[in-house]
PDB file of N, CA and C in Angstrom:
ATOM      1  N   MET A   1       1.587  -4.253  -7.040  1.00  0.00           N
ATOM      2  CA  MET A   1       0.550  -4.392  -6.037  1.00  0.00           C
ATOM      3  C   MET A   1      -0.738  -3.797  -6.599  1.00  0.00           C
ATOM      4  N   GLN A   2      -1.807  -4.507  -6.419  1.00  0.00           N
ATOM      5  CA  GLN A   2      -3.084  -4.034  -6.953  1.00  0.00           C
ATOM      6  C   GLN A   2      -3.851  -3.257  -5.887  1.00  0.00           C
ATOM      7  N   PHE A   3      -4.577  -2.250  -6.374  1.00  0.00           N
ATOM      8  CA  PHE A   3      -5.361  -1.391  -5.495  1.00  0.00           C
ATOM      9  C   PHE A   3      -6.729  -1.151  -6.112  1.00  0.00           C
ATOM     10  N   LEU A   4      -7.739  -1.096  -5.254  1.00  0.00           N
ATOM     11  CA  LEU A   4      -9.063  -0.634  -5.640  1.00  0.00           C
ATOM     12  C   LEU A   4      -9.117   0.841  -5.296  1.00  0.00           C
ATOM     13  N   VAL A   5      -9.445   1.671  -6.275  1.00  0.00           N
ATOM     14  CA  VAL A   5      -9.550   3.110  -6.065  1.00  0.00           C
ATOM     15  C   VAL A   5     -11.019   3.480  -6.221  1.00  0.00           C
ATOM     16  N   ILE A   6     -11.594   4.028  -5.156  1.00  0.00           N
ATOM     17  CA  ILE A   6     -12.973   4.504  -5.183  1.00  0.00           C
ATOM     18  C   ILE A   6     -12.896   6.013  -5.014  1.00  0.00           C
ATOM     19  N   ALA A   7     -13.261   6.741  -6.051  1.00  0.00           N
ATOM     20  CA  ALA A   7     -13.112   8.195  -6.052  1.00  0.00           C
ATOM     21  C   ALA A   7     -14.479   8.841  -6.258  1.00  0.00           C
ATOM     22  N   ARG A   8     -14.895   9.622  -5.276  1.00  0.00           N
ATOM     23  CA  ARG A   8     -16.210  10.260  -5.325  1.00  0.00           C
ATOM     24  C   ARG A   8     -16.064  11.726  -5.720  1.00  0.00           C
ATOM     25  N   ASP A   9     -16.904  12.130  -6.671  1.00  0.00           N
ATOM     26  CA  ASP A   9     -16.917  13.522  -7.097  1.00  0.00           C
ATOM     27  C   ASP A   9     -17.491  14.397  -5.984  1.00  0.00           C
ATOM     28  N   GLY A  10     -17.197  15.686  -6.073  1.00  0.00           N
ATOM     29  CA  GLY A  10     -17.810  16.631  -5.155  1.00  0.00           C
ATOM     30  C   GLY A  10     -19.321  16.652  -5.360  1.00  0.00           C
ATOM     31  N   GLY A  11     -20.047  17.058  -4.352  1.00  0.00           N
ATOM     32  CA  GLY A  11     -21.508  17.076  -4.430  1.00  0.00           C
ATOM     33  C   GLY A  11     -22.088  18.428  -4.779  1.00  0.00           C
ATOM     34  N   ASP A  12     -21.239  19.373  -5.134  1.00  0.00           N
ATOM     35  CA  ASP A  12     -21.712  20.716  -5.441  1.00  0.00           C
ATOM     36  C   ASP A  12     -22.300  20.799  -6.851  1.00  0.00           C
ATOM     37  N   ALA A  13     -22.935  21.907  -7.151  1.00  0.00           N
ATOM     38  CA  ALA A  13     -23.626  22.093  -8.432  1.00  0.00           C
ATOM     39  C   ALA A  13     -22.682  22.080  -9.630  1.00  0.00           C
ATOM     40  N   ASP A  14     -21.402  22.394  -9.438  1.00  0.00           N
ATOM     41  CA  ASP A  14     -20.451  22.451 -10.549  1.00  0.00           C
ATOM     42  C   ASP A  14     -19.634  21.171 -10.721  1.00  0.00           C
ATOM     43  N   ALA A  15     -19.911  20.142  -9.939  1.00  0.00           N
ATOM     44  CA  ALA A  15     -19.101  18.917  -9.966  1.00  0.00           C
ATOM     45  C   ALA A  15     -19.092  18.266 -11.347  1.00  0.00           C
ATOM     46  N   LEU A  16     -20.249  18.092 -11.952  1.00  0.00           N
ATOM     47  CA  LEU A  16     -20.308  17.450 -13.265  1.00  0.00           C
ATOM     48  C   LEU A  16     -19.619  18.318 -14.321  1.00  0.00           C
ATOM     49  N   LYS A  17     -19.763  19.618 -14.212  1.00  0.00           N
ATOM     50  CA  LYS A  17     -19.104  20.541 -15.148  1.00  0.00           C
ATOM     51  C   LYS A  17     -17.580  20.389 -15.069  1.00  0.00           C
ATOM     52  N   ARG A  18     -17.030  20.291 -13.849  1.00  0.00           N
ATOM     53  CA  ARG A  18     -15.585  20.097 -13.686  1.00  0.00           C
ATOM     54  C   ARG A  18     -15.157  18.759 -14.289  1.00  0.00           C
ATOM     55  N   ARG A  19     -15.959  17.722 -14.061  1.00  0.00           N
ATOM     56  CA  ARG A  19     -15.645  16.389 -14.597  1.00  0.00           C
ATOM     57  C   ARG A  19     -15.583  16.436 -16.118  1.00  0.00           C
ATOM     58  N   LEU A  20     -16.591  16.999 -16.737  1.00  0.00           N
ATOM     59  CA  LEU A  20     -16.639  17.028 -18.200  1.00  0.00           C
ATOM     60  C   LEU A  20     -15.528  17.889 -18.791  1.00  0.00           C
ATOM     61  N   ALA A  21     -15.092  18.914 -18.055  1.00  0.00           N
ATOM     62  CA  ALA A  21     -14.042  19.811 -18.549  1.00  0.00           C
ATOM     63  C   ALA A  21     -12.701  19.097 -18.708  1.00  0.00           C
ATOM     64  N   VAL A  22     -12.442  18.068 -17.904  1.00  0.00           N
ATOM     65  CA  VAL A  22     -11.147  17.378 -17.968  1.00  0.00           C
ATOM     66  C   VAL A  22     -11.287  15.903 -18.351  1.00  0.00           C
ATOM     67  N   ARG A  23     -12.465  15.505 -18.769  1.00  0.00           N
ATOM     68  CA  ARG A  23     -12.728  14.087 -19.052  1.00  0.00           C
ATOM     69  C   ARG A  23     -11.804  13.520 -20.129  1.00  0.00           C
ATOM     70  N   GLU A  24     -11.578  14.264 -21.199  1.00  0.00           N
ATOM     71  CA  GLU A  24     -10.714  13.765 -22.281  1.00  0.00           C
ATOM     72  C   GLU A  24      -9.284  13.552 -21.796  1.00  0.00           C
ATOM     73  N   GLN A  25      -8.780  14.460 -20.954  1.00  0.00           N
ATOM     74  CA  GLN A  25      -7.437  14.293 -20.394  1.00  0.00           C
ATOM     75  C   GLN A  25      -7.384  13.070 -19.473  1.00  0.00           C
ATOM     76  N   HIS A  26      -8.454  12.870 -18.697  1.00  0.00           N
ATOM     77  CA  HIS A  26      -8.541  11.697 -17.817  1.00  0.00           C
ATOM     78  C   HIS A  26      -8.504  10.412 -18.642  1.00  0.00           C
ATOM     79  N   ILE A  27      -9.271  10.369 -19.717  1.00  0.00           N
ATOM     80  CA  ILE A  27      -9.312   9.181 -20.578  1.00  0.00           C
ATOM     81  C   ILE A  27      -7.950   8.944 -21.223  1.00  0.00           C
ATOM     82  N   ALA A  28      -7.288  10.011 -21.667  1.00  0.00           N
ATOM     83  CA  ALA A  28      -5.963   9.870 -22.287  1.00  0.00           C
ATOM     84  C   ALA A  28      -4.953   9.296 -21.289  1.00  0.00           C
ATOM     85  N   LEU A  29      -4.956   9.798 -20.054  1.00  0.00           N
ATOM     86  CA  LEU A  29      -4.041   9.280 -19.035  1.00  0.00           C
ATOM     87  C   LEU A  29      -4.368   7.821 -18.720  1.00  0.00           C
ATOM     88  N   SER A  30      -5.648   7.505 -18.651  1.00  0.00           N
ATOM     89  CA  SER A  30      -6.055   6.114 -18.407  1.00  0.00           C
ATOM     90  C   SER A  30      -5.587   5.203 -19.528  1.00  0.00           C
ATOM     91  N   ASN A  31      -5.728   5.652 -20.765  1.00  0.00           N
ATOM     92  CA  ASN A  31      -5.290   4.833 -21.900  1.00  0.00           C
ATOM     93  C   ASN A  31      -3.793   4.545 -21.838  1.00  0.00           C
ATOM     94  N   GLU A  32      -2.995   5.537 -21.434  1.00  0.00           N
ATOM     95  CA  GLU A  32      -1.552   5.321 -21.271  1.00  0.00           C
ATOM     96  C   GLU A  32      -1.289   4.290 -20.171  1.00  0.00           C
ATOM     97  N   ALA A  33      -2.014   4.413 -19.057  1.00  0.00           N
ATOM     98  CA  ALA A  33      -1.833   3.479 -17.939  1.00  0.00           C
ATOM     99  C   ALA A  33      -2.266   2.066 -18.327  1.00  0.00           C
ATOM    100  N   ILE A  34      -3.297   1.950 -19.137  1.00  0.00           N
ATOM    101  CA  ILE A  34      -3.749   0.637 -19.614  1.00  0.00           C
ATOM    102  C   ILE A  34      -2.657  -0.006 -20.457  1.00  0.00           C
ATOM    103  N   LYS A  35      -2.056   0.764 -21.354  1.00  0.00           N
ATOM    104  CA  LYS A  35      -0.991   0.232 -22.215  1.00  0.00           C
ATOM    105  C   LYS A  35       0.199  -0.269 -21.402  1.00  0.00           C
ATOM    106  N   ARG A  36       0.482   0.385 -20.279  1.00  0.00           N
ATOM    107  CA  ARG A  36       1.598  -0.018 -19.416  1.00  0.00           C
ATOM    108  C   ARG A  36       1.200  -1.130 -18.434  1.00  0.00           C
ATOM    109  N   GLY A  37      -0.068  -1.517 -18.453  1.00  0.00           N
ATOM    110  CA  GLY A  37      -0.543  -2.547 -17.537  1.00  0.00           C
ATOM    111  C   GLY A  37      -0.793  -2.042 -16.127  1.00  0.00           C
ATOM    112  N   GLU A  38      -0.897  -0.727 -15.963  1.00  0.00           N
ATOM    113  CA  GLU A  38      -1.093  -0.146 -14.634  1.00  0.00           C
ATOM    114  C   GLU A  38      -2.564   0.023 -14.274  1.00  0.00           C
ATOM    115  N   GLN A  39      -3.404   0.270 -15.251  1.00  0.00           N
ATOM    116  CA  GLN A  39      -4.843   0.375 -14.979  1.00  0.00           C
ATOM    117  C   GLN A  39      -5.512  -0.846 -15.588  1.00  0.00           C
ATOM    118  N   LEU A  40      -6.138  -1.636 -14.734  1.00  0.00           N
ATOM    119  CA  LEU A  40      -6.745  -2.884 -15.170  1.00  0.00           C
ATOM    120  C   LEU A  40      -8.215  -2.722 -15.505  1.00  0.00           C
ATOM    121  N   LEU A  41      -8.886  -1.842 -14.789  1.00  0.00           N
ATOM    122  CA  LEU A  41     -10.325  -1.680 -14.955  1.00  0.00           C
ATOM    123  C   LEU A  41     -10.721  -0.302 -14.482  1.00  0.00           C
ATOM    124  N   GLY A  42     -11.683   0.292 -15.134  1.00  0.00           N
ATOM    125  CA  GLY A  42     -12.206   1.572 -14.694  1.00  0.00           C
ATOM    126  C   GLY A  42     -13.670   1.688 -15.060  1.00  0.00           C
ATOM    127  N   ALA A  43     -14.420   2.357 -14.209  1.00  0.00           N
ATOM    128  CA  ALA A  43     -15.842   2.566 -14.474  1.00  0.00           C
ATOM    129  C   ALA A  43     -16.292   3.841 -13.784  1.00  0.00           C
ATOM    130  N   ALA A  44     -17.272   4.491 -14.388  1.00  0.00           N
ATOM    131  CA  ALA A  44     -17.894   5.643 -13.742  1.00  0.00           C
ATOM    132  C   ALA A  44     -18.951   5.138 -12.769  1.00  0.00           C
ATOM    133  N   MET A  45     -19.017   5.745 -11.605  1.00  0.00           N
ATOM    134  CA  MET A  45     -20.119   5.478 -10.682  1.00  0.00           C
ATOM    135  C   MET A  45     -21.243   6.433 -11.057  1.00  0.00           C
ATOM    136  N   LEU A  46     -22.465   5.945 -11.017  1.00  0.00           N
ATOM    137  CA  LEU A  46     -23.618   6.732 -11.437  1.00  0.00           C
ATOM    138  C   LEU A  46     -24.570   6.970 -10.273  1.00  0.00           C
ATOM    139  N   ASN A  47     -25.266   8.110 -10.330  1.00  0.00           N
ATOM    140  CA  ASN A  47     -26.321   8.344  -9.349  1.00  0.00           C
ATOM    141  C   ASN A  47     -27.617   7.707  -9.847  1.00  0.00           C
ATOM    142  N   GLU A  48     -28.677   7.863  -9.091  1.00  0.00           N
ATOM    143  CA  GLU A  48     -29.947   7.226  -9.448  1.00  0.00           C
ATOM    144  C   GLU A  48     -30.523   7.726 -10.773  1.00  0.00           C
ATOM    145  N   ASP A  49     -30.073   8.889 -11.235  1.00  0.00           N
ATOM    146  CA  ASP A  49     -30.523   9.431 -12.521  1.00  0.00           C
ATOM    147  C   ASP A  49     -29.605   9.044 -13.671  1.00  0.00           C
ATOM    148  N   GLY A  50     -28.542   8.313 -13.383  1.00  0.00           N
ATOM    149  CA  GLY A  50     -27.608   7.889 -14.420  1.00  0.00           C
ATOM    150  C   GLY A  50     -26.489   8.871 -14.699  1.00  0.00           C
ATOM    151  N   ALA A  51     -26.389   9.948 -13.914  1.00  0.00           N
ATOM    152  CA  ALA A  51     -25.312  10.927 -14.092  1.00  0.00           C
ATOM    153  C   ALA A  51     -24.065  10.445 -13.344  1.00  0.00           C
ATOM    154  N   MET A  52     -22.896  10.740 -13.906  1.00  0.00           N
ATOM    155  CA  MET A  52     -21.636  10.340 -13.281  1.00  0.00           C
ATOM    156  C   MET A  52     -21.445  11.058 -11.948  1.00  0.00           C
ATOM    157  N   LYS A  53     -21.025  10.300 -10.941  1.00  0.00           N
ATOM    158  CA  LYS A  53     -20.797  10.883  -9.617  1.00  0.00           C
ATOM    159  C   LYS A  53     -19.479  10.443  -8.995  1.00  0.00           C
ATOM    160  N   GLY A  54     -18.692   9.693  -9.748  1.00  0.00           N
ATOM    161  CA  GLY A  54     -17.417   9.230  -9.233  1.00  0.00           C
ATOM    162  C   GLY A  54     -16.837   8.161 -10.130  1.00  0.00           C
ATOM    163  N   SER A  55     -15.759   7.565  -9.672  1.00  0.00           N
ATOM    164  CA  SER A  55     -15.065   6.547 -10.460  1.00  0.00           C
ATOM    165  C   SER A  55     -14.624   5.418  -9.552  1.00  0.00           C
ATOM    166  N   VAL A  56     -14.493   4.248 -10.146  1.00  0.00           N
ATOM    167  CA  VAL A  56     -13.903   3.107  -9.464  1.00  0.00           C
ATOM    168  C   VAL A  56     -12.897   2.490 -10.427  1.00  0.00           C
ATOM    169  N   MET A  57     -11.722   2.142  -9.910  1.00  0.00           N
ATOM    170  CA  MET A  57     -10.671   1.568 -10.748  1.00  0.00           C
ATOM    171  C   MET A  57      -9.949   0.476  -9.985  1.00  0.00           C
ATOM    172  N   ILE A  58      -9.444  -0.476 -10.718  1.00  0.00           N
ATOM    173  CA  ILE A  58      -8.458  -1.402 -10.174  1.00  0.00           C
ATOM    174  C   ILE A  58      -7.170  -1.108 -10.922  1.00  0.00           C
ATOM    175  N   VAL A  59      -6.137  -0.783 -10.160  1.00  0.00           N
ATOM    176  CA  VAL A  59      -4.848  -0.413 -10.738  1.00  0.00           C
ATOM    177  C   VAL A  59      -3.769  -1.339 -10.190  1.00  0.00           C
ATOM    178  N   ASP A  60      -2.654  -1.374 -10.892  1.00  0.00           N
ATOM    179  CA  ASP A  60      -1.538  -2.235 -10.494  1.00  0.00           C
ATOM    180  C   ASP A  60      -0.253  -1.422 -10.581  1.00  0.00           C
ATOM    181  N   PHE A  61       0.277  -1.033  -9.424  1.00  0.00           N
ATOM    182  CA  PHE A  61       1.511  -0.261  -9.336  1.00  0.00           C
ATOM    183  C   PHE A  61       2.485  -0.997  -8.413  1.00  0.00           C
ATOM    184  N   PRO A  62       3.781  -0.715  -8.533  1.00  0.00           N
ATOM    185  CA  PRO A  62       4.755  -1.398  -7.675  1.00  0.00           C
ATOM    186  C   PRO A  62       4.488  -1.204  -6.182  1.00  0.00           C
ATOM    187  N   ASP A  63       3.952  -0.018  -5.832  1.00  0.00           N
ATOM    188  CA  ASP A  63       3.721   0.283  -4.421  1.00  0.00           C
ATOM    189  C   ASP A  63       2.772   1.470  -4.310  1.00  0.00           C
ATOM    190  N   ARG A  64       2.389   1.780  -3.089  1.00  0.00           N
ATOM    191  CA  ARG A  64       1.450   2.872  -2.842  1.00  0.00           C
ATOM    192  C   ARG A  64       2.048   4.221  -3.246  1.00  0.00           C
ATOM    193  N   ALA A  65       3.334   4.395  -3.066  1.00  0.00           N
ATOM    194  CA  ALA A  65       3.973   5.665  -3.427  1.00  0.00           C
ATOM    195  C   ALA A  65       3.844   5.931  -4.923  1.00  0.00           C
ATOM    196  N   THR A  66       3.972   4.902  -5.739  1.00  0.00           N
ATOM    197  CA  THR A  66       3.835   5.068  -7.189  1.00  0.00           C
ATOM    198  C   THR A  66       2.392   5.398  -7.550  1.00  0.00           C
ATOM    199  N   LEU A  67       1.451   4.761  -6.882  1.00  0.00           N
ATOM    200  CA  LEU A  67       0.036   5.097  -7.089  1.00  0.00           C
ATOM    201  C   LEU A  67      -0.221   6.550  -6.716  1.00  0.00           C
ATOM    202  N   ASP A  68       0.301   6.983  -5.580  1.00  0.00           N
ATOM    203  CA  ASP A  68       0.115   8.371  -5.151  1.00  0.00           C
ATOM    204  C   ASP A  68       0.705   9.351  -6.157  1.00  0.00           C
ATOM    205  N   ALA A  69       1.863   9.026  -6.733  1.00  0.00           N
ATOM    206  CA  ALA A  69       2.475   9.889  -7.749  1.00  0.00           C
ATOM    207  C   ALA A  69       1.586   9.975  -8.979  1.00  0.00           C
ATOM    208  N   TRP A  70       0.997   8.853  -9.374  1.00  0.00           N
ATOM    209  CA  TRP A  70       0.074   8.837 -10.517  1.00  0.00           C
ATOM    210  C   TRP A  70      -1.154   9.695 -10.217  1.00  0.00           C
ATOM    211  N   LEU A  71      -1.683   9.578  -9.010  1.00  0.00           N
ATOM    212  CA  LEU A  71      -2.857  10.376  -8.648  1.00  0.00           C
ATOM    213  C   LEU A  71      -2.555  11.873  -8.659  1.00  0.00           C
ATOM    214  N   ARG A  72      -1.324  12.260  -8.334  1.00  0.00           N
ATOM    215  CA  ARG A  72      -0.986  13.690  -8.312  1.00  0.00           C
ATOM    216  C   ARG A  72      -1.113  14.342  -9.687  1.00  0.00           C
ATOM    217  N   VAL A  73      -1.015  13.550 -10.766  1.00  0.00           N
ATOM    218  CA  VAL A  73      -1.139  14.121 -12.114  1.00  0.00           C
ATOM    219  C   VAL A  73      -2.454  13.722 -12.786  1.00  0.00           C
ATOM    220  N   GLU A  74      -3.284  12.944 -12.104  1.00  0.00           N
ATOM    221  CA  GLU A  74      -4.575  12.521 -12.646  1.00  0.00           C
ATOM    222  C   GLU A  74      -5.479  13.751 -12.805  1.00  0.00           C
ATOM    223  N   PRO A  75      -6.000  14.002 -14.026  1.00  0.00           N
ATOM    224  CA  PRO A  75      -6.808  15.198 -14.267  1.00  0.00           C
ATOM    225  C   PRO A  75      -8.028  15.354 -13.356  1.00  0.00           C
ATOM    226  N   TYR A  76      -8.623  14.261 -12.917  1.00  0.00           N
ATOM    227  CA  TYR A  76      -9.766  14.387 -12.007  1.00  0.00           C
ATOM    228  C   TYR A  76      -9.330  14.829 -10.611  1.00  0.00           C
ATOM    229  N   VAL A  77      -8.050  14.649 -10.286  1.00  0.00           N
ATOM    230  CA  VAL A  77      -7.513  15.172  -9.027  1.00  0.00           C
ATOM    231  C   VAL A  77      -7.119  16.629  -9.224  1.00  0.00           C
ATOM    232  N   THR A  78      -6.306  16.898 -10.259  1.00  0.00           N
ATOM    233  CA  THR A  78      -5.840  18.273 -10.479  1.00  0.00           C
ATOM    234  C   THR A  78      -6.991  19.202 -10.846  1.00  0.00           C
ATOM    235  N   GLY A  79      -8.038  18.652 -11.470  1.00  0.00           N
ATOM    236  CA  GLY A  79      -9.216  19.438 -11.834  1.00  0.00           C
ATOM    237  C   GLY A  79     -10.259  19.521 -10.733  1.00  0.00           C
ATOM    238  N   LYS A  80      -9.918  18.998  -9.553  1.00  0.00           N
ATOM    239  CA  LYS A  80     -10.784  19.056  -8.372  1.00  0.00           C
ATOM    240  C   LYS A  80     -12.147  18.395  -8.602  1.00  0.00           C
ATOM    241  N   VAL A  81     -12.141  17.322  -9.407  1.00  0.00           N
ATOM    242  CA  VAL A  81     -13.357  16.536  -9.635  1.00  0.00           C
ATOM    243  C   VAL A  81     -13.553  15.584  -8.460  1.00  0.00           C
ATOM    244  N   TRP A  82     -12.544  14.760  -8.210  1.00  0.00           N
ATOM    245  CA  TRP A  82     -12.628  13.804  -7.104  1.00  0.00           C
ATOM    246  C   TRP A  82     -12.379  14.537  -5.792  1.00  0.00           C
ATOM    247  N   GLN A  83     -13.327  14.462  -4.894  1.00  0.00           N
ATOM    248  CA  GLN A  83     -13.206  15.131  -3.602  1.00  0.00           C
ATOM    249  C   GLN A  83     -12.937  14.157  -2.460  1.00  0.00           C
ATOM    250  N   ASP A  84     -13.211  12.878  -2.679  1.00  0.00           N
ATOM    251  CA  ASP A  84     -12.997  11.851  -1.656  1.00  0.00           C
ATOM    252  C   ASP A  84     -12.461  10.611  -2.355  1.00  0.00           C
ATOM    253  N   ILE A  85     -11.232  10.222  -2.025  1.00  0.00           N
ATOM    254  CA  ILE A  85     -10.601   9.070  -2.673  1.00  0.00           C
ATOM    255  C   ILE A  85     -10.269   8.033  -1.610  1.00  0.00           C
ATOM    256  N   GLU A  86     -10.804   6.839  -1.816  1.00  0.00           N
ATOM    257  CA  GLU A  86     -10.532   5.715  -0.927  1.00  0.00           C
ATOM    258  C   GLU A  86      -9.670   4.718  -1.694  1.00  0.00           C
ATOM    259  N   ILE A  87      -8.589   4.278  -1.086  1.00  0.00           N
ATOM    260  CA  ILE A  87      -7.675   3.337  -1.729  1.00  0.00           C
ATOM    261  C   ILE A  87      -7.561   2.100  -0.843  1.00  0.00           C
ATOM    262  N   ILE A  88      -7.836   0.957  -1.449  1.00  0.00           N
ATOM    263  CA  ILE A  88      -7.836  -0.305  -0.716  1.00  0.00           C
ATOM    264  C   ILE A  88      -6.942  -1.295  -1.455  1.00  0.00           C
ATOM    265  N   PRO A  89      -5.913  -1.826  -0.805  1.00  0.00           N
ATOM    266  CA  PRO A  89      -5.130  -2.883  -1.455  1.00  0.00           C
ATOM    267  C   PRO A  89      -6.052  -4.062  -1.781  1.00  0.00           C
ATOM    268  N   CYS A  90      -5.840  -4.674  -2.944  1.00  0.00           N
ATOM    269  CA  CYS A  90      -6.685  -5.799  -3.352  1.00  0.00           C
ATOM    270  C   CYS A  90      -5.875  -6.741  -4.231  1.00  0.00           C
ATOM    271  N   ARG A  91      -6.501  -7.811  -4.620  1.00  0.00           N
ATOM    272  CA  ARG A  91      -5.877  -8.757  -5.543  1.00  0.00           C
ATOM    273  C   ARG A  91      -6.973  -9.322  -6.432  1.00  0.00           C
ATOM    274  N   ILE A  92      -6.747  -9.261  -7.741  1.00  0.00           N
ATOM    275  CA  ILE A  92      -7.686  -9.853  -8.689  1.00  0.00           C
ATOM    276  C   ILE A  92      -7.803 -11.342  -8.369  1.00  0.00           C
ATOM    277  N   GLY A  93      -9.022 -11.842  -8.347  1.00  0.00           N
ATOM    278  CA  GLY A  93      -9.249 -13.255  -8.056  1.00  0.00           C
ATOM    279  C   GLY A  93      -8.712 -14.166  -9.147  1.00  0.00           C
ATOM    280  N   PRO A  94      -8.379 -15.397  -8.796  1.00  0.00           N
ATOM    281  CA  PRO A  94      -7.790 -16.340  -9.748  1.00  0.00           C
ATOM    282  C   PRO A  94      -8.635 -16.544 -11.004  1.00  0.00           C
ATOM    283  N   SER A  95      -9.931 -16.487 -10.874  1.00  0.00           N
ATOM    284  CA  SER A  95     -10.805 -16.690 -12.034  1.00  0.00           C
ATOM    285  C   SER A  95     -10.682 -15.570 -13.059  1.00  0.00           C
ATOM    286  N   PHE A  96     -10.152 -14.421 -12.641  1.00  0.00           N
ATOM    287  CA  PHE A  96     -10.074 -13.255 -13.515  1.00  0.00           C
ATOM    288  C   PHE A  96      -8.652 -12.887 -13.923  1.00  0.00           C
ATOM    289  N   GLU A  97      -7.648 -13.555 -13.358  1.00  0.00           N
ATOM    290  CA  GLU A  97      -6.253 -13.189 -13.618  1.00  0.00           C
ATOM    291  C   GLU A  97      -5.907 -13.201 -15.099  1.00  0.00           C
ATOM    292  N   SER A  98      -6.441 -14.142 -15.851  1.00  0.00           N
ATOM    293  CA  SER A  98      -6.098 -14.229 -17.274  1.00  0.00           C
ATOM    294  C   SER A  98      -6.590 -13.018 -18.055  1.00  0.00           C
ATOM    295  N   LEU A  99      -7.608 -12.338 -17.560  1.00  0.00           N
ATOM    296  CA  LEU A  99      -8.107 -11.143 -18.239  1.00  0.00           C
ATOM    297  C   LEU A  99      -7.127  -9.983 -18.146  1.00  0.00           C
ATOM    298  N   PHE A 100      -6.286 -10.005 -17.120  1.00  0.00           N
ATOM    299  CA  PHE A 100      -5.396  -8.884 -16.854  1.00  0.00           C
ATOM    300  C   PHE A 100      -3.929  -9.286 -16.862  1.00  0.00           C
ATOM    301  N   ALA A 101      -3.598 -10.370 -17.510  1.00  0.00           N
ATOM    302  CA  ALA A 101      -2.213 -10.849 -17.543  1.00  0.00           C
ATOM    303  C   ALA A 101      -1.331  -9.831 -18.239  1.00  0.00           C
ATOM    304  N   LYS A 102      -0.194  -9.523 -17.618  1.00  0.00           N
ATOM    305  CA  LYS A 102       0.770  -8.599 -18.226  1.00  0.00           C
ATOM    306  C   LYS A 102       1.577  -9.343 -19.265  1.00  0.00           C
ATOM    307  N   ASN A 103       1.895  -8.632 -20.347  1.00  0.00           N
ATOM    308  CA  ASN A 103       2.687  -9.251 -21.424  1.00  0.00           C
ATOM    309  C   ASN A 103       4.138  -9.319 -21.045  1.00  0.00           C
TER     310      ASN A 103
END
């Protein structure tokens, strides 16, 4: 099942510092999920100055419980970077399915 994950960083003065402190671990976990076909797309959300303020991802997990388990070990969650996470079930449109076909 595919999900759109919209994760907003905290708005405090240390939010970017927390993000950068665990960014490499976040990227490593994402790379593993990409190899397994679980993370289809990811992007940083930017503020008007171009600084990172959150993330958006399209992921593919068997169910919401599996997504929740993945989020429990996601460095931006454990590192208290993401303060507001919105999860919306979605489906990649037919025009884009070939970009994300599982092997």
